Amino acid sequence: MRIDKWLSATNVVKRRTIATDMVKNGVVFVNDIQSKASKNVAVGDRIRIEYLKGAKSYRVLAIPATKSIPKTHKDQYVEELS
């Protein structure tokens, strides 16, 4: 699954357009490498987002099969790191 789709499907970012803009602006990193929107994520990848107030890191636990998941199931797909 593409990084922009994964960010929106797992509710890390509210909308896919926001996720795409973040990737285009160079604030999304997959395994410490600046990502492009077409980058595919895999289970175990580390994703870091550089927000203005600091960075947040996530680990991919699973790839959703649907366009979006319920917010209550987010912990099955993503682990927030420090």
C-alpha atoms as a PDB file:
ATOM      1  CA  MET A   1       0.000   0.000   0.000  1.00  0.00           C
ATOM      2  CA  ARG A   2       1.241   3.487  -0.839  1.00  0.00           C
ATOM      3  CA  ILE A   3       2.427   5.630   2.065  1.00  0.00           C
ATOM      4  CA  ASP A   4      -0.210   8.326   1.526  1.00  0.00           C
ATOM      5  CA  LYS A   5      -3.005   5.744   1.440  1.00  0.00           C
ATOM      6  CA  TRP A   6      -1.634   4.001   4.537  1.00  0.00           C
ATOM      7  CA  LEU A   7      -1.454   7.249   6.521  1.00  0.00           C
ATOM      8  CA  SER A   8      -5.098   8.048   5.803  1.00  0.00           C
ATOM      9  CA  ALA A   9      -6.423   4.468   6.047  1.00  0.00           C
ATOM     10  CA  THR A  10      -4.924   3.971   9.509  1.00  0.00           C
ATOM     11  CA  ASN A  11      -6.178   7.347  10.766  1.00  0.00           C
ATOM     12  CA  VAL A  12      -2.690   8.745  11.360  1.00  0.00           C
ATOM     13  CA  VAL A  13      -3.728  11.671   9.132  1.00  0.00           C
ATOM     14  CA  LYS A  14      -7.369  12.695   8.701  1.00  0.00           C
ATOM     15  CA  ARG A  15      -7.485  12.947   4.889  1.00  0.00           C
ATOM     16  CA  ARG A  16      -5.461  11.483   2.045  1.00  0.00           C
ATOM     17  CA  THR A  17      -4.955  14.902   0.470  1.00  0.00           C
ATOM     18  CA  ILE A  18      -3.255  16.049   3.672  1.00  0.00           C
ATOM     19  CA  ALA A  19      -1.085  12.926   3.641  1.00  0.00           C
ATOM     20  CA  THR A  20      -0.130  13.537   0.009  1.00  0.00           C
ATOM     21  CA  ASP A  21       0.750  17.172   0.745  1.00  0.00           C
ATOM     22  CA  MET A  22       2.894  16.107   3.714  1.00  0.00           C
ATOM     23  CA  VAL A  23       4.797  13.646   1.530  1.00  0.00           C
ATOM     24  CA  LYS A  24       5.277  16.241  -1.231  1.00  0.00           C
ATOM     25  CA  ASN A  25       6.633  18.737   1.315  1.00  0.00           C
ATOM     26  CA  GLY A  26       9.242  16.248   2.489  1.00  0.00           C
ATOM     27  CA  VAL A  27       8.129  15.741   6.094  1.00  0.00           C
ATOM     28  CA  VAL A  28       7.395  11.995   5.850  1.00  0.00           C
ATOM     29  CA  PHE A  29      10.244   9.509   6.209  1.00  0.00           C
ATOM     30  CA  VAL A  30      10.082   5.727   5.794  1.00  0.00           C
ATOM     31  CA  ASN A  31      12.962   3.927   7.513  1.00  0.00           C
ATOM     32  CA  ASP A  32      14.786   7.290   7.832  1.00  0.00           C
ATOM     33  CA  ILE A  33      14.617   7.937   4.077  1.00  0.00           C
ATOM     34  CA  GLN A  34      12.537  10.847   2.768  1.00  0.00           C
ATOM     35  CA  SER A  35       9.488   9.325   1.125  1.00  0.00           C
ATOM     36  CA  LYS A  36       7.639   9.889  -2.126  1.00  0.00           C
ATOM     37  CA  ALA A  37       3.861   9.389  -2.381  1.00  0.00           C
ATOM     38  CA  SER A  38       4.355   6.249  -4.465  1.00  0.00           C
ATOM     39  CA  LYS A  39       6.519   4.555  -1.804  1.00  0.00           C
ATOM     40  CA  ASN A  40       5.011   1.256  -0.689  1.00  0.00           C
ATOM     41  CA  VAL A  41       5.042   0.441   3.009  1.00  0.00           C
ATOM     42  CA  ALA A  42       5.518  -3.031   4.446  1.00  0.00           C
ATOM     43  CA  VAL A  43       4.952  -4.585   7.838  1.00  0.00           C
ATOM     44  CA  GLY A  44       7.765  -3.552  10.165  1.00  0.00           C
ATOM     45  CA  ASP A  45       8.582  -0.258   8.438  1.00  0.00           C
ATOM     46  CA  ARG A  46       9.211   2.785  10.640  1.00  0.00           C
ATOM     47  CA  ILE A  47       7.481   5.986   9.602  1.00  0.00           C
ATOM     48  CA  ARG A  48       8.493   9.388  10.952  1.00  0.00           C
ATOM     49  CA  ILE A  49       6.509  12.572  10.401  1.00  0.00           C
ATOM     50  CA  GLU A  50       8.255  15.883  11.073  1.00  0.00           C
ATOM     51  CA  TYR A  51       5.568  18.200  12.453  1.00  0.00           C
ATOM     52  CA  LEU A  52       6.299  21.850  13.297  1.00  0.00           C
ATOM     53  CA  LYS A  53       6.129  21.058  17.026  1.00  0.00           C
ATOM     54  CA  GLY A  54       8.292  17.935  16.780  1.00  0.00           C
ATOM     55  CA  ALA A  55       8.481  14.541  15.161  1.00  0.00           C
ATOM     56  CA  LYS A  56       6.252  11.505  15.672  1.00  0.00           C
ATOM     57  CA  SER A  57       7.305   7.974  14.807  1.00  0.00           C
ATOM     58  CA  TYR A  58       5.162   4.975  13.973  1.00  0.00           C
ATOM     59  CA  ARG A  59       5.730   1.291  13.216  1.00  0.00           C
ATOM     60  CA  VAL A  60       3.614  -0.511  10.609  1.00  0.00           C
ATOM     61  CA  LEU A  61       2.013  -3.564  12.232  1.00  0.00           C
ATOM     62  CA  ALA A  62      -0.348  -4.522   9.400  1.00  0.00           C
ATOM     63  CA  ILE A  63      -1.590  -3.299   6.046  1.00  0.00           C
ATOM     64  CA  PRO A  64      -5.346  -2.608   5.940  1.00  0.00           C
ATOM     65  CA  ALA A  65      -7.314  -4.375   3.231  1.00  0.00           C
ATOM     66  CA  THR A  66      -9.944  -1.636   3.063  1.00  0.00           C
ATOM     67  CA  LYS A  67      -9.885   2.074   2.285  1.00  0.00           C
ATOM     68  CA  SER A  68     -10.288   2.986   5.946  1.00  0.00           C
ATOM     69  CA  ILE A  69     -10.488   1.251   9.300  1.00  0.00           C
ATOM     70  CA  PRO A  70     -12.472   2.095  12.427  1.00  0.00           C
ATOM     71  CA  LYS A  71     -10.519   4.312  14.811  1.00  0.00           C
ATOM     72  CA  THR A  72     -10.960   1.679  17.524  1.00  0.00           C
ATOM     73  CA  HIS A  73      -8.897  -0.787  15.436  1.00  0.00           C
ATOM     74  CA  LYS A  74      -5.978   1.594  14.854  1.00  0.00           C
ATOM     75  CA  ASP A  75      -3.778  -0.258  17.398  1.00  0.00           C
ATOM     76  CA  GLN A  76      -3.893  -3.385  15.200  1.00  0.00           C
ATOM     77  CA  TYR A  77      -2.302  -1.544  12.271  1.00  0.00           C
ATOM     78  CA  VAL A  78       0.033   1.072  13.759  1.00  0.00           C
ATOM     79  CA  GLU A  79       2.189   1.403  16.851  1.00  0.00           C
ATOM     80  CA  GLU A  80       3.102   4.901  17.955  1.00  0.00           C
ATOM     81  CA  LEU A  81       6.736   5.143  19.014  1.00  0.00           C
ATOM     82  CA  SER A  82       8.223   7.892  21.149  1.00  0.00           C
END
